[in-house]
């Protein structure tokens, strides 16, 4: 398989004491949590790894993509 389309990831929404509903209202983030203070758009931090939300890689983690495609993934990002 190749990286021949734009890959989108599901955001990781973080509750914070300073959070609220602006990310949901203004940026249309979907969550059942309250006080969303941060939206991590892409992450590979242990326990907070981004998951692909579209196309043939839907459901795969960023870690899986990096393992499978290595440098090709980075090169595809450079050409955007």
N, C-alpha and C. Protein backbone atom coordinates (compact mmCIF):
# COMPACT_ATOMS: atom_id res chain seq x y z
N UNK A 1 0.84 -1.20 0.00
CA UNK A 1 0.00 0.00 0.00
C UNK A 1 0.88 1.24 0.00
N UNK A 2 0.34 2.30 -0.56
CA UNK A 2 1.11 3.53 -0.61
C UNK A 2 0.32 4.67 0.03
N UNK A 3 1.05 5.71 0.30
CA UNK A 3 0.45 6.92 0.89
C UNK A 3 0.05 7.85 -0.25
N UNK A 4 -1.09 7.59 -0.85
CA UNK A 4 -1.49 8.33 -2.04
C UNK A 4 -2.71 9.22 -1.83
N UNK A 5 -3.01 9.56 -0.58
CA UNK A 5 -4.12 10.46 -0.29
C UNK A 5 -3.85 11.16 1.04
N UNK A 6 -4.49 12.29 1.30
CA UNK A 6 -4.27 13.00 2.57
C UNK A 6 -4.81 12.18 3.74
N UNK A 7 -3.97 11.90 4.69
CA UNK A 7 -4.36 11.14 5.87
C UNK A 7 -4.83 12.11 6.94
N UNK A 8 -6.00 11.82 7.49
CA UNK A 8 -6.56 12.63 8.58
C UNK A 8 -6.57 11.80 9.85
N UNK A 9 -6.38 12.49 10.97
CA UNK A 9 -6.37 11.83 12.27
C UNK A 9 -7.49 12.36 13.15
N UNK A 10 -8.02 11.49 14.01
CA UNK A 10 -9.01 11.93 14.99
C UNK A 10 -8.29 12.73 16.07
N UNK A 11 -8.80 13.91 16.41
CA UNK A 11 -8.13 14.70 17.46
C UNK A 11 -8.27 14.03 18.82
N UNK A 12 -7.28 14.25 19.67
CA UNK A 12 -7.31 13.77 21.04
C UNK A 12 -7.67 14.98 21.90
N UNK A 13 -8.85 14.96 22.47
CA UNK A 13 -9.34 16.10 23.24
C UNK A 13 -9.00 15.91 24.72
N UNK A 14 -8.45 16.96 25.31
CA UNK A 14 -7.99 16.91 26.70
C UNK A 14 -8.81 17.85 27.57
N UNK A 15 -9.34 17.30 28.65
CA UNK A 15 -10.04 18.13 29.63
C UNK A 15 -9.00 18.87 30.47
N UNK A 16 -9.24 20.15 30.69
CA UNK A 16 -8.37 20.99 31.50
C UNK A 16 -9.24 21.88 32.37
N UNK A 17 -8.71 22.31 33.50
CA UNK A 17 -9.52 23.15 34.39
C UNK A 17 -9.87 24.48 33.73
N UNK A 18 -9.05 24.93 32.78
CA UNK A 18 -9.32 26.19 32.09
C UNK A 18 -10.18 25.97 30.83
N UNK A 19 -10.52 24.74 30.56
CA UNK A 19 -11.26 24.43 29.34
C UNK A 19 -12.70 24.90 29.40
N UNK A 20 -13.41 24.61 28.36
CA UNK A 20 -14.81 24.99 28.23
C UNK A 20 -15.40 24.31 27.01
N UNK A 21 -16.27 25.02 26.31
CA UNK A 21 -16.91 24.43 25.14
C UNK A 21 -16.54 25.13 23.83
N UNK A 22 -15.58 26.05 23.86
CA UNK A 22 -15.24 26.80 22.65
C UNK A 22 -14.69 25.90 21.53
N UNK A 23 -13.87 24.93 21.88
CA UNK A 23 -13.34 24.04 20.83
C UNK A 23 -14.46 23.28 20.16
N UNK A 24 -15.46 22.91 20.93
CA UNK A 24 -16.61 22.20 20.36
C UNK A 24 -17.49 23.15 19.56
N UNK A 25 -17.76 24.33 20.11
CA UNK A 25 -18.64 25.29 19.43
C UNK A 25 -18.01 25.88 18.18
N UNK A 26 -16.77 26.37 18.30
CA UNK A 26 -16.15 27.11 17.21
C UNK A 26 -15.45 26.21 16.18
N UNK A 27 -14.87 25.12 16.64
CA UNK A 27 -14.12 24.26 15.73
C UNK A 27 -14.81 22.93 15.47
N UNK A 28 -16.03 22.79 16.01
CA UNK A 28 -16.87 21.61 15.78
C UNK A 28 -16.20 20.30 16.22
N UNK A 29 -15.45 20.36 17.32
CA UNK A 29 -14.88 19.15 17.90
C UNK A 29 -16.01 18.39 18.60
N UNK A 30 -16.02 17.09 18.49
CA UNK A 30 -17.08 16.27 19.07
C UNK A 30 -16.54 15.56 20.30
N UNK A 31 -17.24 15.74 21.43
CA UNK A 31 -16.81 15.09 22.67
C UNK A 31 -17.96 15.01 23.64
N UNK A 32 -17.91 13.99 24.48
CA UNK A 32 -18.88 13.90 25.57
C UNK A 32 -18.26 14.41 26.87
N UNK A 33 -17.04 14.90 26.79
CA UNK A 33 -16.34 15.46 27.94
C UNK A 33 -16.70 16.93 28.11
N UNK A 34 -16.49 17.44 29.30
CA UNK A 34 -16.68 18.87 29.58
C UNK A 34 -15.31 19.52 29.72
N UNK A 35 -15.29 20.82 29.60
CA UNK A 35 -14.06 21.60 29.83
C UNK A 35 -12.89 21.17 28.95
N UNK A 36 -13.13 21.07 27.65
CA UNK A 36 -12.06 20.72 26.71
C UNK A 36 -11.14 21.94 26.57
N UNK A 37 -9.89 21.76 26.98
CA UNK A 37 -8.93 22.85 26.95
C UNK A 37 -7.86 22.69 25.89
N UNK A 38 -7.71 21.48 25.37
CA UNK A 38 -6.69 21.23 24.34
C UNK A 38 -7.22 20.21 23.33
N UNK A 39 -6.81 20.41 22.08
CA UNK A 39 -7.09 19.45 21.02
C UNK A 39 -5.76 19.08 20.38
N UNK A 40 -5.31 17.86 20.65
CA UNK A 40 -4.08 17.39 20.05
C UNK A 40 -4.44 16.82 18.68
N UNK A 41 -3.97 17.45 17.63
CA UNK A 41 -4.34 17.05 16.28
C UNK A 41 -3.54 15.84 15.80
N UNK A 42 -2.32 15.69 16.29
CA UNK A 42 -1.52 14.51 15.97
C UNK A 42 -0.51 14.30 17.10
N UNK A 43 -0.42 13.05 17.55
CA UNK A 43 0.44 12.74 18.68
C UNK A 43 0.87 11.28 18.62
N UNK A 44 2.08 11.02 19.11
CA UNK A 44 2.54 9.65 19.29
C UNK A 44 3.09 9.48 20.70
N UNK A 45 2.53 10.23 21.63
CA UNK A 45 2.89 10.09 23.04
C UNK A 45 2.22 8.83 23.57
N UNK A 46 2.95 8.05 24.34
CA UNK A 46 2.42 6.81 24.91
C UNK A 46 1.08 7.07 25.59
N UNK A 47 0.06 6.33 25.20
CA UNK A 47 -1.28 6.50 25.76
C UNK A 47 -2.12 7.53 25.01
N UNK A 48 -1.50 8.30 24.15
CA UNK A 48 -2.20 9.31 23.36
C UNK A 48 -1.70 9.28 21.92
N UNK A 49 -1.84 8.13 21.28
CA UNK A 49 -1.39 7.97 19.90
C UNK A 49 -2.54 8.24 18.95
N UNK A 50 -2.30 9.07 17.97
CA UNK A 50 -3.32 9.43 16.99
C UNK A 50 -3.75 8.23 16.16
N UNK A 51 -5.04 8.23 15.80
CA UNK A 51 -5.64 7.16 15.00
C UNK A 51 -6.16 7.77 13.70
N UNK A 52 -5.88 7.12 12.58
CA UNK A 52 -6.34 7.59 11.27
C UNK A 52 -7.87 7.51 11.22
N UNK A 53 -8.48 8.57 10.68
CA UNK A 53 -9.95 8.65 10.65
C UNK A 53 -10.54 8.53 9.25
N UNK A 54 -9.70 8.29 8.23
CA UNK A 54 -10.23 8.21 6.87
C UNK A 54 -9.46 7.22 6.01
N UNK A 55 -10.09 6.83 4.91
CA UNK A 55 -9.44 6.04 3.88
C UNK A 55 -9.04 4.62 4.27
N UNK A 56 -8.15 4.08 3.47
CA UNK A 56 -7.77 2.68 3.63
C UNK A 56 -6.97 2.40 4.89
N UNK A 57 -6.45 3.43 5.55
CA UNK A 57 -5.70 3.24 6.79
C UNK A 57 -6.55 3.56 8.02
N UNK A 58 -7.84 3.79 7.83
CA UNK A 58 -8.72 4.13 8.94
C UNK A 58 -8.59 3.09 10.06
N UNK A 59 -8.42 3.59 11.29
CA UNK A 59 -8.28 2.71 12.44
C UNK A 59 -6.84 2.39 12.81
N UNK A 60 -5.90 2.66 11.89
CA UNK A 60 -4.49 2.41 12.19
C UNK A 60 -3.94 3.57 13.02
N UNK A 61 -2.98 3.26 13.85
CA UNK A 61 -2.35 4.29 14.68
C UNK A 61 -1.19 4.94 13.93
N UNK A 62 -0.82 6.12 14.37
CA UNK A 62 0.34 6.80 13.81
C UNK A 62 1.58 5.92 13.96
N UNK A 63 1.69 5.25 15.09
CA UNK A 63 2.82 4.35 15.35
C UNK A 63 2.87 3.24 14.28
N UNK A 64 1.71 2.68 13.90
CA UNK A 64 1.67 1.64 12.87
C UNK A 64 2.11 2.20 11.51
N UNK A 65 1.65 3.41 11.19
CA UNK A 65 2.04 4.01 9.91
C UNK A 65 3.54 4.26 9.84
N UNK A 66 4.10 4.78 10.94
CA UNK A 66 5.54 5.03 10.97
C UNK A 66 6.30 3.73 10.81
N UNK A 67 5.85 2.68 11.48
CA UNK A 67 6.51 1.38 11.38
C UNK A 67 6.44 0.82 9.97
N UNK A 68 5.29 0.98 9.33
CA UNK A 68 5.09 0.41 7.99
C UNK A 68 5.77 1.22 6.89
N UNK A 69 5.71 2.55 7.00
CA UNK A 69 6.18 3.40 5.90
C UNK A 69 7.48 4.15 6.17
N UNK A 70 7.90 4.19 7.40
CA UNK A 70 9.15 4.85 7.82
C UNK A 70 9.38 6.18 7.11
N UNK A 71 10.44 6.31 6.38
CA UNK A 71 10.82 7.56 5.73
C UNK A 71 9.82 8.06 4.70
N UNK A 72 9.09 7.16 4.07
CA UNK A 72 8.11 7.58 3.07
C UNK A 72 7.03 8.47 3.69
N UNK A 73 6.69 8.19 4.94
CA UNK A 73 5.69 9.00 5.63
C UNK A 73 6.22 10.42 5.83
N UNK A 74 7.44 10.54 6.25
CA UNK A 74 8.03 11.86 6.47
C UNK A 74 8.18 12.59 5.14
N UNK A 75 8.62 11.91 4.11
CA UNK A 75 8.77 12.54 2.79
C UNK A 75 7.44 13.03 2.25
N UNK A 76 6.35 12.29 2.50
CA UNK A 76 5.05 12.73 2.01
C UNK A 76 4.60 13.99 2.73
N UNK A 77 5.00 14.16 3.98
CA UNK A 77 4.65 15.37 4.73
C UNK A 77 5.44 16.58 4.22
N UNK A 78 6.67 16.37 3.81
CA UNK A 78 7.50 17.45 3.32
C UNK A 78 6.93 18.03 2.02
N UNK A 79 6.31 17.22 1.21
CA UNK A 79 5.81 17.64 -0.11
C UNK A 79 4.45 18.33 -0.04
N UNK A 80 3.88 18.43 1.14
CA UNK A 80 2.56 19.08 1.26
C UNK A 80 2.70 20.57 1.13
